[in-house]
Protein backbone atom coordinates (compact mmCIF):
# COMPACT_ATOMS: atom_id res chain seq x y z
CA MET A 1 98.58 98.09 89.59
CA GLY A 2 95.08 98.55 88.33
CA ASN A 3 93.52 101.35 86.39
CA CYS A 4 91.98 104.20 88.28
CA ALA A 5 89.28 106.44 86.85
CA GLY A 6 89.87 105.16 83.34
CA VAL A 7 93.53 106.19 83.15
CA GLN A 8 95.39 103.59 81.15
CA GLY A 9 99.05 102.66 81.40
CA ASN A 10 101.63 101.99 84.03
CA ALA A 11 103.68 104.26 86.21
CA GLU A 12 107.02 105.19 84.73
CA ILE A 13 109.97 103.96 86.72
CA ASN A 14 113.47 105.31 86.56
CA PRO A 15 115.66 102.44 85.29
CA THR A 16 118.29 103.06 87.99
CA PHE A 17 115.74 102.37 90.73
CA SER A 18 116.06 99.28 92.91
CA ALA A 19 113.73 97.93 95.54
CA PRO A 20 114.88 97.56 99.12
CA ASN A 21 116.26 94.23 100.22
CA THR A 22 113.90 92.56 102.67
CA SER A 23 116.01 89.50 103.35
CA GLY A 24 118.53 91.31 105.53
CA ASN A 25 121.37 90.19 103.25
CA ASN A 26 123.29 93.18 101.94
CA SER A 27 125.63 91.21 99.73
CA LYS A 28 125.68 91.89 96.01
CA SER A 29 127.15 88.52 95.17
CA SER A 30 126.32 84.94 95.96
CA ASN A 31 128.24 81.71 95.99
CA SER A 32 125.61 80.17 93.75
CA SER A 33 126.73 79.72 90.14
CA ASN A 34 123.37 80.89 88.76
CA ALA A 35 123.13 84.12 90.79
CA THR A 36 122.98 87.35 88.88
CA ASP A 37 122.98 91.02 89.81
CA THR A 38 119.40 92.18 90.32
CA SER A 39 120.16 95.72 91.42
CA THR A 40 117.50 97.10 89.07
CA PHE A 41 114.18 95.87 87.79
CA GLY A 42 115.84 94.45 84.73
CA LYS A 43 115.71 90.83 83.62
CA SER A 44 117.37 88.27 85.80
CA SER A 45 118.06 84.59 85.35
CA SER A 46 117.57 83.89 89.05
CA SER A 47 114.43 84.85 90.94
CA SER A 48 115.89 83.74 94.30
CA VAL A 49 118.40 86.61 94.57
CA PRO A 50 116.77 89.71 96.11
CA PRO A 51 117.43 93.17 94.63
CA THR A 52 120.47 94.99 95.94
CA PRO A 53 119.50 97.62 98.50
CA ARG A 54 120.46 101.21 97.98
CA THR A 55 122.06 103.20 100.75
CA GLU A 56 120.69 106.51 101.97
CA LYS A 57 123.52 108.30 100.19
CA GLU A 58 122.75 106.50 96.90
CA ILE A 59 119.03 107.28 97.17
CA LEU A 60 119.57 110.98 97.85
CA GLN A 61 122.33 111.40 95.22
CA SER A 62 120.55 109.54 92.43
CA SER A 63 117.11 111.05 92.83
CA ASN A 64 115.72 113.53 90.34
CA LEU A 65 114.47 115.57 93.27
CA ARG A 66 115.52 119.05 94.30
CA LYS A 67 117.37 119.22 97.61
CA PHE A 68 115.97 122.18 99.56
CA THR A 69 117.52 123.84 102.58
CA PHE A 70 115.43 124.26 105.71
CA SER A 71 115.82 128.02 105.33
CA GLU A 72 114.36 127.90 101.79
CA LEU A 73 111.31 125.95 102.95
CA ARG A 74 110.84 128.14 106.00
CA SER A 75 110.84 131.15 103.66
CA SER A 76 108.49 129.55 101.10
CA THR A 77 105.91 128.71 103.82
CA ARG A 78 106.22 132.09 105.59
CA ASN A 79 107.98 130.51 108.58
CA PHE A 80 105.46 127.65 108.78
CA ARG A 81 102.72 130.07 109.84
CA THR A 82 99.43 128.63 111.02
CA ASP A 83 97.52 130.40 108.23
CA SER A 84 99.66 128.38 105.77
CA LEU A 85 98.69 125.09 107.45
CA LEU A 86 96.89 122.74 105.05
CA GLY A 87 96.50 119.77 107.39
CA GLU A 88 98.07 117.38 109.86
CA GLY A 89 98.57 113.65 109.96
CA GLY A 90 100.72 110.89 111.40
CA PHE A 91 103.77 112.23 109.60
CA GLY A 92 103.38 115.80 110.80
CA SER A 93 102.02 119.05 109.41
CA VAL A 94 101.55 120.09 105.78
CA PHE A 95 102.02 123.74 104.86
CA LYS A 96 101.27 125.71 101.72
CA GLY A 97 104.34 127.29 100.15
CA TRP A 98 105.42 129.11 96.99
CA ILE A 99 108.46 128.44 94.83
CA ASP A 100 109.66 129.63 91.43
CA GLU A 101 108.55 127.21 88.69
CA ARG A 102 111.98 127.07 87.01
CA THR A 103 114.52 127.54 89.80
CA PHE A 104 112.48 126.11 92.70
CA THR A 105 113.67 128.97 94.91
CA PRO A 106 111.23 130.53 97.41
CA VAL A 107 109.10 133.40 96.10
CA LYS A 108 106.55 135.79 97.59
CA PRO A 109 103.17 134.27 98.47
CA GLY A 110 100.75 134.46 95.56
CA THR A 111 103.52 134.26 92.94
CA GLY A 112 105.18 131.25 91.39
CA MET A 113 104.10 127.66 91.87
CA ILE A 114 102.13 126.56 94.94
CA VAL A 115 103.58 123.54 96.77
CA ALA A 116 102.67 121.45 99.79
CA VAL A 117 105.52 121.13 102.30
CA LYS A 118 105.20 118.15 104.65
CA LYS A 119 107.22 118.60 107.84
CA LEU A 120 107.99 115.53 109.95
CA LYS A 121 107.18 115.94 113.64
CA LEU A 122 110.26 115.11 115.67
CA ASP A 123 108.17 112.85 117.94
CA SER A 124 106.29 111.23 115.02
CA PHE A 125 105.78 107.48 114.80
CA GLN A 126 106.94 107.77 111.22
CA GLY A 127 110.62 108.45 111.33
CA HIS A 128 113.62 108.79 109.11
CA LYS A 129 113.23 105.31 107.62
CA GLU A 130 109.69 106.05 106.34
CA TRP A 131 110.77 109.52 105.14
CA LEU A 132 113.61 107.95 103.15
CA ALA A 133 111.26 105.31 101.70
CA GLU A 134 108.96 108.06 100.44
CA VAL A 135 111.90 109.88 98.84
CA ASN A 136 113.07 106.60 97.32
CA TYR A 137 109.76 105.49 95.81
CA LEU A 138 107.93 108.72 94.97
CA GLY A 139 111.18 110.18 93.68
CA GLN A 140 111.31 107.43 91.05
CA LEU A 141 107.64 107.11 90.04
CA SER A 142 105.65 109.30 87.70
CA HIS A 143 101.94 108.69 87.07
CA PRO A 144 98.87 110.92 86.57
CA ASN A 145 97.22 109.39 89.66
CA LEU A 146 100.20 109.95 91.97
CA VAL A 147 101.08 113.25 93.57
CA LYS A 148 104.45 114.49 92.31
CA LEU A 149 107.26 114.70 94.83
CA ILE A 150 109.33 117.77 93.88
CA GLY A 151 112.04 117.65 96.51
CA TYR A 152 113.14 117.08 100.07
CA CYS A 153 115.04 118.64 102.94
CA LEU A 154 117.39 116.74 105.23
CA GLU A 155 119.09 119.10 107.66
CA ASP A 156 120.07 118.15 111.21
CA GLU A 157 116.88 116.65 112.70
CA GLN A 158 114.60 118.27 110.12
CA ARG A 159 112.90 116.01 107.55
CA LEU A 160 110.64 117.68 104.99
CA LEU A 161 109.07 116.67 101.68
CA VAL A 162 107.89 119.07 98.95
CA TYR A 163 104.95 117.98 96.78
CA GLU A 164 102.95 119.52 94.00
CA PHE A 165 99.93 121.28 95.50
CA MET A 166 96.54 119.62 94.97
CA PRO A 167 94.00 122.46 95.06
CA LYS A 168 91.04 120.09 95.42
CA GLY A 169 92.67 118.09 98.22
CA SER A 170 93.66 114.46 98.41
CA LEU A 171 91.59 111.43 97.47
CA GLU A 172 91.73 110.40 101.13
CA HIS A 173 90.13 113.71 102.11
CA HIS A 174 87.30 113.24 99.62
CA LEU A 175 86.68 109.63 100.63
CA PHE A 176 86.95 109.92 104.40
CA ARG A 177 86.17 113.52 105.34
CA ARG A 178 83.78 113.92 108.21
CA SER A 179 80.75 115.88 107.20
CA SER A 180 77.16 116.11 108.38
CA THR A 181 76.01 116.14 104.76
CA PHE A 182 77.20 113.64 102.23
CA PRO A 183 77.89 114.74 98.68
CA ALA A 184 75.51 113.56 95.97
CA PRO A 185 76.52 110.17 94.57
CA LEU A 186 78.26 110.11 91.22
CA MET A 187 76.09 107.16 90.16
CA GLU A 188 72.95 105.66 91.53
CA PHE A 189 72.84 101.91 92.01
CA THR A 190 69.66 99.98 91.23
CA ASP A 191 68.82 96.31 90.85
CA GLU A 192 69.57 96.66 87.13
CA GLY A 193 73.03 98.20 87.68
CA CYS A 194 74.37 101.75 87.56
CA SER A 195 72.39 104.63 86.10
């Protein structure tokens, strides 16, 4: 990872985190005499053994994320009302909600902490597998340049993610928004460099 906007350092990773296995082999052991367990990002004497995959149950049980009920998120977003809609994308719709800062329970609008609740469309191209990957990775990473994933909801066919609210919008919005007027450049480029 590189530095962004002058922020130094690396993302913090939970030491119990393991990357998904892309080889299709779910075995933890190998017949090779030099194989070692690489279920975490720790040191390993063999680079040919892929990390052990984590099951859905392991991901959801080991995460530091709050498990919300659908009812709690429906309440925090005022029943997913259109005036709470922040945006839509390939995943689904994102709604503004309010939760208590300490207990993470729903509170009245205008009180508590503002959150962004992303609700997966049932007919979305991004399905359960992508939802679980986001819980897995963003639930383990912490960095000033990454939005914080607070929790998730997995109830029946409902898949939701709860993020910290970004009052100024996402970087994607600022880079790719469609506007008839472009914002003033942060720096002007000349033949001599930046000014």
